[in-house]
Amino acid sequence: MLDKQFQALGQEYRELPNGYSFRLPNDIETIKGIAEWVNLERLCCPFFSFDLVSEREGGAFWLNITDAMV
């Protein structure tokens, strides 16, 4: 269920050399949902690295999903 919510939230994406970066809205519900999703994904997929990067002054934030083995 969170995967579908995550896909619907994505406002933009960028391909990285070893993964993808997704721009997401900066609101409390989105942040909570993504934190829950990342927590679950880390349990089943330790080969991925998840990093959240926040834009300045309340802008959107980026979720980077990359290969943890690189």
N, C-alpha and C. Protein backbone atom coordinates (compact mmCIF):
# COMPACT_ATOMS: atom_id res chain seq x y z
N MET A 1 0.83 -1.20 0.00
CA MET A 1 0.00 0.00 0.00
C MET A 1 0.87 1.25 0.00
N LEU A 2 1.91 1.27 0.81
CA LEU A 2 2.78 2.44 0.83
C LEU A 2 3.49 2.64 -0.50
N ASP A 3 3.79 1.53 -1.21
CA ASP A 3 4.45 1.67 -2.51
C ASP A 3 3.58 2.48 -3.47
N LYS A 4 2.29 2.21 -3.49
CA LYS A 4 1.39 2.96 -4.37
C LYS A 4 1.28 4.42 -3.91
N GLN A 5 1.22 4.64 -2.61
CA GLN A 5 1.19 6.01 -2.09
C GLN A 5 2.48 6.73 -2.47
N PHE A 6 3.60 6.03 -2.34
CA PHE A 6 4.89 6.61 -2.67
C PHE A 6 4.94 7.02 -4.14
N GLN A 7 4.48 6.16 -5.03
CA GLN A 7 4.47 6.46 -6.45
C GLN A 7 3.59 7.67 -6.75
N ALA A 8 2.46 7.80 -6.07
CA ALA A 8 1.56 8.92 -6.29
C ALA A 8 2.15 10.23 -5.80
N LEU A 9 3.02 10.18 -4.79
CA LEU A 9 3.61 11.38 -4.22
C LEU A 9 4.74 11.95 -5.05
N GLY A 10 5.39 11.11 -5.83
CA GLY A 10 6.56 11.54 -6.59
C GLY A 10 6.23 12.69 -7.54
N GLN A 11 6.90 13.82 -7.36
CA GLN A 11 6.67 14.99 -8.20
C GLN A 11 7.67 15.07 -9.36
N GLU A 12 8.79 14.40 -9.17
CA GLU A 12 9.85 14.42 -10.16
C GLU A 12 10.84 13.33 -9.76
N TYR A 13 11.57 12.83 -10.73
CA TYR A 13 12.63 11.88 -10.38
C TYR A 13 13.85 12.15 -11.23
N ARG A 14 14.98 11.74 -10.72
CA ARG A 14 16.26 11.87 -11.41
C ARG A 14 16.97 10.53 -11.35
N GLU A 15 17.59 10.17 -12.45
CA GLU A 15 18.39 8.97 -12.45
C GLU A 15 19.78 9.32 -11.94
N LEU A 16 20.26 8.55 -10.99
CA LEU A 16 21.59 8.72 -10.43
C LEU A 16 22.51 7.63 -10.99
N PRO A 17 23.83 7.78 -10.87
CA PRO A 17 24.73 6.75 -11.38
C PRO A 17 24.46 5.35 -10.80
N ASN A 18 23.97 5.29 -9.56
CA ASN A 18 23.73 4.00 -8.94
C ASN A 18 22.34 3.90 -8.30
N GLY A 19 21.36 4.63 -8.85
CA GLY A 19 20.01 4.57 -8.31
C GLY A 19 19.13 5.68 -8.83
N TYR A 20 18.19 6.11 -7.99
CA TYR A 20 17.23 7.15 -8.37
C TYR A 20 17.02 8.11 -7.21
N SER A 21 16.59 9.31 -7.56
CA SER A 21 16.23 10.33 -6.58
C SER A 21 14.82 10.80 -6.90
N PHE A 22 13.97 10.85 -5.89
CA PHE A 22 12.57 11.24 -6.06
C PHE A 22 12.28 12.50 -5.26
N ARG A 23 11.69 13.50 -5.93
CA ARG A 23 11.29 14.73 -5.23
C ARG A 23 9.89 14.54 -4.69
N LEU A 24 9.73 14.82 -3.40
CA LEU A 24 8.47 14.62 -2.71
C LEU A 24 8.06 15.89 -1.99
N PRO A 25 6.76 16.09 -1.76
CA PRO A 25 6.31 17.28 -1.04
C PRO A 25 6.81 17.26 0.41
N ASN A 26 7.01 18.43 0.95
CA ASN A 26 7.50 18.57 2.32
C ASN A 26 6.33 18.89 3.25
N ASP A 27 5.57 17.86 3.59
CA ASP A 27 4.51 18.01 4.59
C ASP A 27 4.62 16.84 5.56
N ILE A 28 4.07 17.01 6.72
CA ILE A 28 4.26 16.05 7.81
C ILE A 28 3.72 14.66 7.46
N GLU A 29 2.60 14.58 6.77
CA GLU A 29 2.04 13.28 6.41
C GLU A 29 2.94 12.55 5.42
N THR A 30 3.48 13.27 4.47
CA THR A 30 4.39 12.66 3.51
C THR A 30 5.65 12.16 4.21
N ILE A 31 6.20 12.98 5.07
CA ILE A 31 7.43 12.61 5.78
C ILE A 31 7.19 11.37 6.64
N LYS A 32 6.07 11.31 7.35
CA LYS A 32 5.75 10.13 8.16
C LYS A 32 5.59 8.89 7.29
N GLY A 33 4.87 9.02 6.20
CA GLY A 33 4.65 7.89 5.31
C GLY A 33 5.93 7.37 4.69
N ILE A 34 6.79 8.27 4.25
CA ILE A 34 8.06 7.87 3.65
C ILE A 34 8.97 7.24 4.71
N ALA A 35 8.98 7.80 5.91
CA ALA A 35 9.79 7.21 6.99
C ALA A 35 9.34 5.78 7.28
N GLU A 36 8.05 5.53 7.30
CA GLU A 36 7.53 4.18 7.52
C GLU A 36 7.93 3.26 6.37
N TRP A 37 7.78 3.74 5.15
CA TRP A 37 8.13 2.95 3.97
C TRP A 37 9.61 2.60 3.96
N VAL A 38 10.47 3.59 4.24
CA VAL A 38 11.92 3.36 4.27
C VAL A 38 12.26 2.33 5.34
N ASN A 39 11.65 2.44 6.51
CA ASN A 39 11.90 1.49 7.59
C ASN A 39 11.56 0.06 7.17
N LEU A 40 10.44 -0.13 6.51
CA LEU A 40 10.05 -1.46 6.04
C LEU A 40 10.98 -1.96 4.94
N GLU A 41 11.34 -1.09 4.03
CA GLU A 41 12.24 -1.49 2.93
C GLU A 41 13.62 -1.86 3.44
N ARG A 42 14.10 -1.18 4.45
CA ARG A 42 15.42 -1.51 5.01
C ARG A 42 15.44 -2.91 5.61
N LEU A 43 14.31 -3.36 6.14
CA LEU A 43 14.24 -4.70 6.73
C LEU A 43 14.36 -5.78 5.67
N CYS A 44 13.75 -5.57 4.53
CA CYS A 44 13.76 -6.62 3.50
C CYS A 44 14.84 -6.42 2.45
N CYS A 45 15.35 -5.21 2.30
CA CYS A 45 16.26 -4.90 1.19
C CYS A 45 17.50 -4.17 1.69
N PRO A 46 18.38 -4.85 2.43
CA PRO A 46 19.56 -4.16 2.99
C PRO A 46 20.57 -3.74 1.94
N PHE A 47 20.37 -4.16 0.70
CA PHE A 47 21.28 -3.80 -0.38
C PHE A 47 20.98 -2.43 -0.98
N PHE A 48 19.92 -1.76 -0.49
CA PHE A 48 19.62 -0.39 -0.90
C PHE A 48 20.03 0.59 0.20
N SER A 49 20.43 1.76 -0.22
CA SER A 49 20.72 2.85 0.71
C SER A 49 19.65 3.92 0.50
N PHE A 50 19.07 4.42 1.59
CA PHE A 50 18.01 5.43 1.53
C PHE A 50 18.51 6.70 2.21
N ASP A 51 18.47 7.82 1.50
CA ASP A 51 18.90 9.10 2.05
C ASP A 51 17.84 10.15 1.76
N LEU A 52 17.48 10.93 2.77
CA LEU A 52 16.55 12.05 2.59
C LEU A 52 17.34 13.35 2.59
N VAL A 53 17.06 14.18 1.61
CA VAL A 53 17.74 15.47 1.48
C VAL A 53 16.65 16.54 1.40
N SER A 54 16.71 17.51 2.29
CA SER A 54 15.71 18.56 2.34
C SER A 54 16.20 19.83 1.66
N GLU A 55 15.31 20.43 0.85
CA GLU A 55 15.62 21.73 0.25
C GLU A 55 15.48 22.81 1.32
N ARG A 56 16.08 23.92 1.08
CA ARG A 56 16.02 25.03 2.04
C ARG A 56 14.63 25.64 2.15
N GLU A 57 14.38 26.25 3.29
CA GLU A 57 13.20 27.06 3.55
C GLU A 57 11.88 26.35 3.25
N GLY A 58 11.76 25.12 3.73
CA GLY A 58 10.49 24.41 3.63
C GLY A 58 10.15 23.91 2.25
N GLY A 59 11.13 23.80 1.37
CA GLY A 59 10.88 23.28 0.03
C GLY A 59 10.64 21.78 0.06
N ALA A 60 10.59 21.21 -1.10
CA ALA A 60 10.40 19.77 -1.22
C ALA A 60 11.61 19.03 -0.67
N PHE A 61 11.47 17.72 -0.50
CA PHE A 61 12.64 16.96 -0.13
C PHE A 61 12.83 15.83 -1.13
N TRP A 62 14.05 15.34 -1.20
CA TRP A 62 14.43 14.30 -2.14
C TRP A 62 14.73 13.02 -1.39
N LEU A 63 14.22 11.91 -1.89
CA LEU A 63 14.55 10.60 -1.37
C LEU A 63 15.47 9.95 -2.39
N ASN A 64 16.71 9.69 -1.99
CA ASN A 64 17.68 9.02 -2.85
C ASN A 64 17.70 7.55 -2.49
N ILE A 65 17.50 6.71 -3.49
CA ILE A 65 17.56 5.26 -3.31
C ILE A 65 18.70 4.78 -4.20
N THR A 66 19.73 4.27 -3.55
CA THR A 66 20.92 3.87 -4.29
C THR A 66 21.37 2.47 -3.88
N ASP A 67 22.30 1.94 -4.62
CA ASP A 67 22.88 0.63 -4.36
C ASP A 67 23.86 0.74 -3.20
N ALA A 68 23.57 0.09 -2.09
CA ALA A 68 24.43 0.16 -0.91
C ALA A 68 25.72 -0.63 -1.09
N MET A 69 25.78 -1.46 -2.10
CA MET A 69 26.95 -2.31 -2.31
C MET A 69 28.05 -1.60 -3.09
N VAL A 70 27.78 -0.44 -3.62
CA VAL A 70 28.79 0.28 -4.42
C VAL A 70 29.71 1.05 -3.51
